[in-house]
Amino acid sequence: MRPLRYLLLSLVLLVGLSCDKLANPTAPAGSVLKISASPSLIALVGEGARITVSGVRPDGKVLSPGTLIQLLADRGVLRPDRSSGCSATVTVNRLEVDSNGQVSALLCGNGQSGAAMVTARLVNSLEGEVMVSVQIGADASTQPMLIISANPTVVATGESSEVTILARGSDGSPLGGGQRIRLTSDLGDISCDEDNSCTGNAEDPCAAVCTNNSGEAQATFTAGNRSGTGAVAAILGTSELQAVNITINSALDSLNLTVAPQSITRSPAPGAAVILTAVLLDPVGTPLNAVLVRFDSDVGSLDSAVAQTNTQGQVTVTLTVLDTDVQNIPANGTFTVTATATSEGETRSDSKQVIVLGSP
């Protein structure tokens, strides 16, 4: 019985080896590998470079599906090429060729800067290996730059602004097409068309945009339902984070005008200065930025009849009143100053009285 048992065991081992060989065929002698990395410059942490390895047999046909290719990196870490990207926790070492004769993985920075050499070789083969270099991190001499702008920079809630990002090399020259720029937004959402999207994530197709051949990429910012300062931020590989602010205004709910001082005295002096300050708020009390306010006064001259609010929803102008301006106003009489503004179809106005005291 013992010889029969050994025979059965040998058959099982042979079948197992045959199955392994069938599942992972060996590339024939003379097979050639090619390797590429995109992009070739990545940040110290976060976004990765896609490593793609393809192979062909001596007859020109692609490698058989299931052929094993080994990937090694002397810097950074290799992750699976899937939607989780560099946030994945698993690493890859051996990959099976797909029906196109390719394998792919992500080389992710892990905080160590320098040139990472990624090596690919066929498993169970003596064929030559191929290598590609990816720069992880950069110094000032190689660091790319971004220029970001928005048009318009003031929108209503729910309205949109077109965002343009220009990718430049350290010498200021435009970078080529296919540069992957990551985008984030505040107080609104980012969207883009298929020509600009390159994130590969169906759930968030505009988390990254790719440049065209002129080094330019575009996206659309759509404001949410809150007033405030929205922002779109962009980063390319090791570039500095660049952002553009977009003011979001909703309907005007209140306008409050204050004057200081509240009274002036007739005097032969060059003139009295009255400071007029208007504060604009939306229905939930958020300051409205970049809203035009018109000021009027019965007497005197304003340094600016129309002025724009700041990020605190506030705008200040100066009214200069000469002695001759108030000579027809009786002692303890008054004149009127007014501020008026409109935001998203709602107009508000406020007036105050300034007292003219008798001559001292």
Protein backbone atom coordinates (compact mmCIF):
# COMPACT_ATOMS: atom_id res chain seq x y z
CA MET A 1 0.00 0.00 0.00
CA ARG A 2 2.87 2.37 0.74
CA PRO A 3 4.07 2.58 -2.90
CA LEU A 4 0.50 3.29 -4.00
CA ARG A 5 0.24 6.05 -1.40
CA TYR A 6 3.49 7.62 -2.65
CA LEU A 7 2.23 7.36 -6.21
CA LEU A 8 -1.02 9.14 -5.36
CA LEU A 9 0.87 11.86 -3.47
CA SER A 10 3.20 12.37 -6.43
CA LEU A 11 0.23 12.68 -8.76
CA VAL A 12 -1.35 15.30 -6.50
CA LEU A 13 1.88 17.29 -6.43
CA LEU A 14 2.24 17.08 -10.19
CA VAL A 15 -1.34 18.21 -10.72
CA GLY A 16 -0.78 21.09 -8.29
CA LEU A 17 2.39 22.14 -10.07
CA SER A 18 0.66 21.89 -13.43
CA CYS A 19 -2.20 24.07 -12.19
CA ASP A 20 0.24 26.65 -10.85
CA LYS A 21 2.05 26.66 -14.14
CA LEU A 22 -1.21 27.08 -16.01
CA ALA A 23 -2.39 29.86 -13.71
CA ASN A 24 0.91 31.73 -13.97
CA PRO A 25 2.52 30.95 -17.32
CA THR A 26 6.21 31.63 -17.79
CA ALA A 27 7.14 34.24 -20.37
CA PRO A 28 9.10 32.70 -23.25
CA ALA A 29 12.73 33.57 -23.82
CA GLY A 30 13.14 36.81 -25.71
CA SER A 31 10.15 38.53 -24.07
CA VAL A 32 10.57 42.27 -23.58
CA LEU A 33 9.23 44.52 -20.82
CA LYS A 34 8.52 48.25 -20.92
CA ILE A 35 7.91 50.45 -17.86
CA SER A 36 6.60 54.00 -17.40
CA ALA A 37 5.64 56.33 -14.54
CA SER A 38 3.08 59.13 -14.51
CA PRO A 39 3.73 61.66 -13.13
CA SER A 40 7.48 61.48 -12.69
CA LEU A 41 7.42 63.88 -9.73
CA ILE A 42 5.25 63.31 -6.64
CA ALA A 43 4.82 64.80 -3.19
CA LEU A 44 6.48 63.41 -0.08
CA VAL A 45 3.14 61.96 1.04
CA GLY A 46 -0.32 61.55 -0.47
CA GLU A 47 -0.69 61.32 -4.22
CA GLY A 48 1.26 58.64 -6.08
CA ALA A 49 2.75 57.93 -9.49
CA ARG A 50 1.11 55.25 -11.61
CA ILE A 51 3.67 52.61 -12.61
CA THR A 52 2.68 50.72 -15.75
CA VAL A 53 4.57 47.68 -17.01
CA SER A 54 3.76 46.01 -20.32
CA GLY A 55 5.34 43.06 -22.02
CA VAL A 56 5.49 41.37 -25.41
CA ARG A 57 6.66 37.94 -26.46
CA PRO A 58 9.17 37.35 -29.26
CA ASP A 59 6.30 36.87 -31.75
CA GLY A 60 5.06 40.40 -30.98
CA LYS A 61 2.02 39.30 -29.03
CA VAL A 62 1.39 40.57 -25.50
CA LEU A 63 2.29 38.41 -22.54
CA SER A 64 -0.24 35.79 -21.58
CA PRO A 65 -2.74 36.79 -18.86
CA GLY A 66 -1.55 35.59 -15.47
CA THR A 67 2.15 35.99 -16.23
CA LEU A 68 3.80 37.21 -13.01
CA ILE A 69 5.77 40.45 -12.92
CA GLN A 70 7.68 41.50 -9.83
CA LEU A 71 7.87 45.18 -8.84
CA LEU A 72 10.47 46.59 -6.46
CA ALA A 73 11.06 50.19 -5.28
CA ASP A 74 14.10 51.42 -3.38
CA ARG A 75 12.16 54.40 -2.02
CA GLY A 76 8.52 55.03 -1.24
CA VAL A 77 5.93 52.26 -1.13
CA LEU A 78 4.03 50.37 -3.86
CA ARG A 79 0.25 50.27 -3.47
CA PRO A 80 -2.50 48.62 -5.57
CA ASP A 81 -3.68 50.75 -8.48
CA ARG A 82 -7.28 51.30 -7.44
CA SER A 83 -9.63 54.04 -6.28
CA SER A 84 -8.32 54.09 -2.70
CA GLY A 85 -4.98 55.24 -4.10
CA CYS A 86 -2.22 56.00 -1.62
CA SER A 87 -4.65 55.77 1.29
CA ALA A 88 -4.55 51.98 0.90
CA THR A 89 -2.73 50.06 3.62
CA VAL A 90 -1.63 47.03 1.58
CA THR A 91 1.49 46.82 -0.55
CA VAL A 92 2.14 44.98 -3.82
CA ASN A 93 5.13 42.98 -4.98
CA ARG A 94 4.00 40.45 -7.57
CA LEU A 95 1.24 41.22 -10.04
CA GLU A 96 -0.48 39.15 -12.71
CA VAL A 97 -0.53 40.46 -16.27
CA ASP A 98 -4.03 41.37 -17.51
CA SER A 99 -5.57 40.64 -20.90
CA ASN A 100 -3.71 43.64 -22.36
CA GLY A 101 -0.34 42.30 -21.26
CA GLN A 102 0.01 44.93 -18.52
CA VAL A 103 0.25 45.40 -14.77
CA SER A 104 0.01 48.66 -12.86
CA ALA A 105 0.62 49.91 -9.32
CA LEU A 106 0.97 53.19 -7.47
CA LEU A 107 4.28 54.39 -6.10
CA CYS A 108 3.41 56.53 -3.06
CA GLY A 109 5.65 58.83 -1.10
CA ASN A 110 6.13 57.89 2.53
CA GLY A 111 7.99 60.98 3.72
CA GLN A 112 11.44 60.10 2.37
CA SER A 113 12.57 62.45 -0.39
CA GLY A 114 14.79 61.60 -3.32
CA ALA A 115 14.80 59.69 -6.59
CA ALA A 116 12.94 56.38 -6.30
CA MET A 117 14.00 53.63 -8.66
CA VAL A 118 11.20 51.22 -9.54
CA THR A 119 12.34 47.91 -11.04
CA ALA A 120 10.18 45.40 -12.91
CA ARG A 121 11.21 41.89 -13.83
CA LEU A 122 9.53 38.72 -15.05
CA VAL A 123 9.10 36.04 -12.40
CA ASN A 124 10.53 32.63 -13.27
CA SER A 125 12.50 34.10 -16.15
CA LEU A 126 16.05 35.14 -16.82
CA GLU A 127 14.99 37.99 -19.09
CA GLY A 128 16.35 41.47 -18.41
CA GLU A 129 14.71 43.84 -15.98
CA VAL A 130 13.51 47.38 -16.67
CA MET A 131 13.60 50.44 -14.41
CA VAL A 132 12.02 53.87 -14.16
CA SER A 133 12.82 56.77 -11.82
CA VAL A 134 10.28 58.88 -9.90
CA GLN A 135 11.30 61.93 -7.94
CA ILE A 136 9.70 62.03 -4.48
CA GLY A 137 9.72 65.56 -3.14
CA ALA A 138 11.73 68.38 -4.70
CA ASP A 139 13.92 71.32 -3.90
CA ALA A 140 13.35 74.88 -5.09
CA SER A 141 15.22 74.21 -8.33
CA THR A 142 12.74 71.57 -9.46
CA GLN A 143 9.56 72.55 -7.63
CA PRO A 144 6.60 73.24 -9.94
CA MET A 145 4.42 76.32 -9.49
CA LEU A 146 0.71 76.94 -9.84
CA ILE A 147 -1.17 80.11 -10.73
CA ILE A 148 -4.88 79.99 -9.92
CA SER A 149 -7.63 82.49 -10.71
CA ALA A 150 -11.43 82.66 -10.66
CA ASN A 151 -13.95 84.59 -12.74
CA PRO A 152 -16.02 86.11 -11.27
CA THR A 153 -14.67 86.43 -7.74
CA VAL A 154 -18.06 87.48 -6.31
CA VAL A 155 -21.08 85.21 -6.78
CA ALA A 156 -24.47 84.69 -5.22
CA THR A 157 -25.38 81.53 -3.35
CA GLY A 158 -25.88 78.75 -5.87
CA GLU A 159 -24.06 80.59 -8.65
CA SER A 160 -20.82 79.49 -10.32
CA SER A 161 -17.33 80.79 -11.00
CA GLU A 162 -14.88 79.43 -13.56
CA VAL A 163 -11.51 78.49 -12.05
CA THR A 164 -8.34 78.39 -14.17
CA ILE A 165 -5.09 76.80 -13.02
CA LEU A 166 -1.78 77.31 -14.83
CA ALA A 167 1.03 74.81 -14.17
CA ARG A 168 4.55 76.19 -14.50
CA GLY A 169 8.03 74.78 -14.07
CA SER A 170 10.54 76.26 -11.67
CA ASP A 171 11.77 78.49 -14.52
CA GLY A 172 8.25 79.77 -15.22
CA SER A 173 7.76 77.84 -18.45
CA PRO A 174 4.43 76.04 -19.02
CA LEU A 175 4.36 72.38 -18.07
CA GLY A 176 3.03 69.94 -20.63
CA GLY A 177 -0.26 68.08 -20.76
CA GLY A 178 -1.35 65.42 -18.32
CA GLN A 179 -0.12 67.11 -15.15
CA ARG A 180 -2.47 65.99 -12.35
CA ILE A 181 -3.62 68.86 -10.13
CA ARG A 182 -5.55 68.04 -6.95
CA LEU A 183 -8.39 70.38 -6.02
CA THR A 184 -10.30 71.08 -2.83
CA SER A 185 -13.06 73.60 -2.16
CA ASP A 186 -14.70 75.38 0.76
CA LEU A 187 -18.32 76.65 0.94
CA GLY A 188 -19.02 75.16 -2.48
CA ASP A 189 -18.45 72.27 -4.87
CA ILE A 190 -15.97 71.68 -7.69
CA SER A 191 -17.04 70.17 -11.00
CA CYS A 192 -15.38 69.70 -14.37
CA ASP A 193 -16.03 68.13 -17.75
CA GLU A 194 -14.49 64.90 -19.02
CA ASP A 195 -11.71 66.74 -20.86
CA ASN A 196 -10.34 68.10 -17.57
CA SER A 197 -11.12 65.29 -15.15
CA CYS A 198 -8.34 62.79 -14.47
CA THR A 199 -9.10 61.49 -11.01
CA GLY A 200 -10.33 58.08 -12.10
CA ASN A 201 -12.88 58.18 -9.28
CA ALA A 202 -16.51 58.04 -10.42
CA GLU A 203 -17.74 59.27 -7.03
CA ASP A 204 -15.56 62.38 -7.13
CA PRO A 205 -14.58 62.93 -10.79
CA CYS A 206 -13.15 66.39 -10.19
CA ALA A 207 -10.94 65.73 -7.18
CA ALA A 208 -8.11 66.17 -9.68
CA VAL A 209 -7.85 67.90 -13.05
CA CYS A 210 -5.26 67.33 -15.76
CA THR A 211 -3.51 70.06 -17.71
CA ASN A 212 -3.75 70.44 -21.47
CA ASN A 213 -0.70 70.81 -23.71
CA SER A 214 -0.38 74.45 -22.62
CA GLY A 215 -0.17 73.51 -18.94
CA GLU A 216 -3.68 74.81 -18.23
CA ALA A 217 -6.58 73.16 -16.42
CA GLN A 218 -10.07 74.36 -15.60
CA ALA A 219 -12.87 73.60 -13.17
CA THR A 220 -16.14 75.15 -12.04
CA PHE A 221 -16.84 76.27 -8.48
CA THR A 222 -20.52 76.34 -7.50
CA ALA A 223 -21.33 78.22 -4.32
CA GLY A 224 -23.35 76.59 -1.56
CA ASN A 225 -26.20 78.21 0.33
CA ARG A 226 -24.04 80.07 2.85
CA SER A 227 -22.59 83.55 2.59
CA GLY A 228 -18.89 83.95 3.23
CA THR A 229 -15.53 83.53 1.57
CA GLY A 230 -15.35 80.33 -0.44
CA ALA A 231 -12.02 79.01 -1.62
CA VAL A 232 -10.58 76.68 -4.23
CA ALA A 233 -7.14 75.26 -3.45
CA ALA A 234 -4.82 73.45 -5.87
CA ILE A 235 -1.61 71.47 -5.53
CA LEU A 236 0.57 69.74 -8.13
CA GLY A 237 3.01 67.15 -6.86
CA THR A 238 5.49 68.99 -4.66
CA SER A 239 4.21 72.49 -5.46
CA GLU A 240 3.11 74.92 -2.79
CA LEU A 241 -0.62 74.93 -2.13
CA GLN A 242 -2.24 77.80 -4.06
CA ALA A 243 -5.77 79.05 -3.47
CA VAL A 244 -8.19 81.62 -4.82
CA ASN A 245 -10.96 83.18 -2.71
CA ILE A 246 -14.48 83.60 -4.02
CA THR A 247 -16.96 85.79 -2.20
CA ILE A 248 -20.41 84.26 -1.77
CA ASN A 249 -23.30 86.60 -1.02
CA SER A 250 -26.94 85.82 -0.31
CA ALA A 251 -29.85 88.24 0.00
CA LEU A 252 -29.33 91.40 2.04
CA ASP A 253 -31.29 91.30 5.29
CA SER A 254 -30.06 94.28 7.28
CA LEU A 255 -28.06 97.46 6.78
CA ASN A 256 -27.01 99.45 9.82
CA LEU A 257 -25.54 102.94 9.45
CA THR A 258 -23.59 104.69 12.21
CA VAL A 259 -22.13 108.22 12.27
CA ALA A 260 -19.30 109.61 14.37
CA PRO A 261 -19.50 112.19 15.73
CA GLN A 262 -23.26 112.50 15.94
CA SER A 263 -23.03 116.30 16.13
CA ILE A 264 -20.80 119.03 14.72
CA THR A 265 -20.25 122.65 15.66
CA ARG A 266 -20.26 125.65 13.34
CA SER A 267 -16.67 126.75 13.18
CA PRO A 268 -14.35 128.77 10.94
CA ALA A 269 -12.05 125.71 10.84
CA PRO A 270 -11.37 124.08 7.46
CA GLY A 271 -14.20 121.65 8.03
CA ALA A 272 -15.70 118.96 10.23
CA ALA A 273 -15.18 115.27 9.40
CA VAL A 274 -18.06 112.87 9.97
CA ILE A 275 -17.30 109.15 9.62
CA LEU A 276 -20.13 107.11 8.07
CA THR A 277 -20.00 103.32 8.59
CA ALA A 278 -22.45 100.81 7.11
CA VAL A 279 -22.62 97.13 8.10
CA LEU A 280 -24.46 94.61 5.89
CA LEU A 281 -25.68 91.19 7.04
CA ASP A 282 -27.57 88.30 5.42
CA PRO A 283 -30.63 86.61 7.02
CA VAL A 284 -28.48 84.44 9.31
CA GLY A 285 -26.19 87.27 10.38
CA THR A 286 -23.26 86.54 8.08
CA PRO A 287 -21.41 89.66 6.86
CA LEU A 288 -21.81 90.39 3.15
CA ASN A 289 -18.52 91.07 1.41
CA ALA A 290 -17.89 93.05 -1.79
CA VAL A 291 -21.37 94.62 -1.87
CA LEU A 292 -21.60 98.19 -3.19
CA VAL A 293 -23.12 100.76 -0.82
CA ARG A 294 -24.29 104.20 -1.94
CA PHE A 295 -23.98 107.09 0.52
CA ASP A 296 -25.91 110.38 0.36
CA SER A 297 -25.89 113.51 2.51
CA ASP A 298 -27.96 116.70 2.57
CA VAL A 299 -24.80 118.78 3.00
CA GLY A 300 -21.02 118.50 2.65
CA SER A 301 -18.93 116.32 0.36
CA LEU A 302 -18.20 112.60 0.52
CA ASP A 303 -14.77 111.19 -0.23
CA SER A 304 -16.60 108.32 -1.96
CA ALA A 305 -20.28 108.23 -2.82
CA VAL A 306 -20.14 104.50 -3.62
CA ALA A 307 -17.90 102.06 -1.76
CA GLN A 308 -17.62 98.28 -1.30
CA THR A 309 -17.94 96.29 1.91
CA ASN A 310 -15.00 94.29 3.28
CA THR A 311 -14.99 90.72 4.59
CA GLN A 312 -16.63 91.95 7.81
CA GLY A 313 -19.51 93.33 5.77
CA GLN A 314 -18.39 96.84 6.67
CA VAL A 315 -17.64 99.95 4.64
CA THR A 316 -16.57 103.40 5.82
CA VAL A 317 -16.53 106.79 4.08
CA THR A 318 -15.80 110.31 5.27
CA LEU A 319 -18.17 113.27 4.97
CA THR A 320 -16.50 116.69 5.12
CA VAL A 321 -18.77 119.55 6.22
CA LEU A 322 -17.68 123.18 5.83
CA ASP A 323 -19.04 126.16 7.72
CA THR A 324 -20.72 127.36 4.54
CA ASP A 325 -22.48 124.01 4.14
CA VAL A 326 -24.48 124.43 7.34
CA GLN A 327 -24.98 128.19 7.50
CA ASN A 328 -28.67 127.83 6.65
CA ILE A 329 -29.25 125.17 9.31
CA PRO A 330 -30.44 126.67 12.60
CA ALA A 331 -28.63 125.96 15.87
CA ASN A 332 -29.42 122.41 17.04
CA GLY A 333 -30.90 121.67 13.65
CA THR A 334 -30.00 118.52 11.74
CA PHE A 335 -29.10 117.20 8.34
CA THR A 336 -29.56 113.64 7.01
CA VAL A 337 -27.07 111.04 5.82
CA THR A 338 -28.20 107.82 4.14
CA ALA A 339 -26.69 104.48 3.09
CA THR A 340 -28.39 102.16 0.56
CA ALA A 341 -27.37 98.74 -0.77
CA THR A 342 -28.78 95.82 -2.76
CA SER A 343 -27.74 92.16 -2.65
CA GLU A 344 -29.48 89.37 -4.54
CA GLY A 345 -32.65 91.32 -5.16
CA GLU A 346 -33.05 92.69 -1.63
CA THR A 347 -32.49 96.41 -1.02
CA ARG A 348 -32.02 97.97 2.39
CA SER A 349 -31.47 101.57 3.47
CA ASP A 350 -30.69 103.34 6.72
CA SER A 351 -30.57 107.05 7.59
CA LYS A 352 -29.14 109.02 10.50
CA GLN A 353 -29.46 112.63 11.66
CA VAL A 354 -26.39 114.73 12.43
CA ILE A 355 -26.97 117.63 14.81
CA VAL A 356 -25.51 121.07 14.00
CA LEU A 357 -24.71 122.86 17.25
CA GLY A 358 -24.50 126.65 17.54
CA SER A 359 -21.14 128.40 17.27
CA PRO A 360 -19.05 128.03 20.44
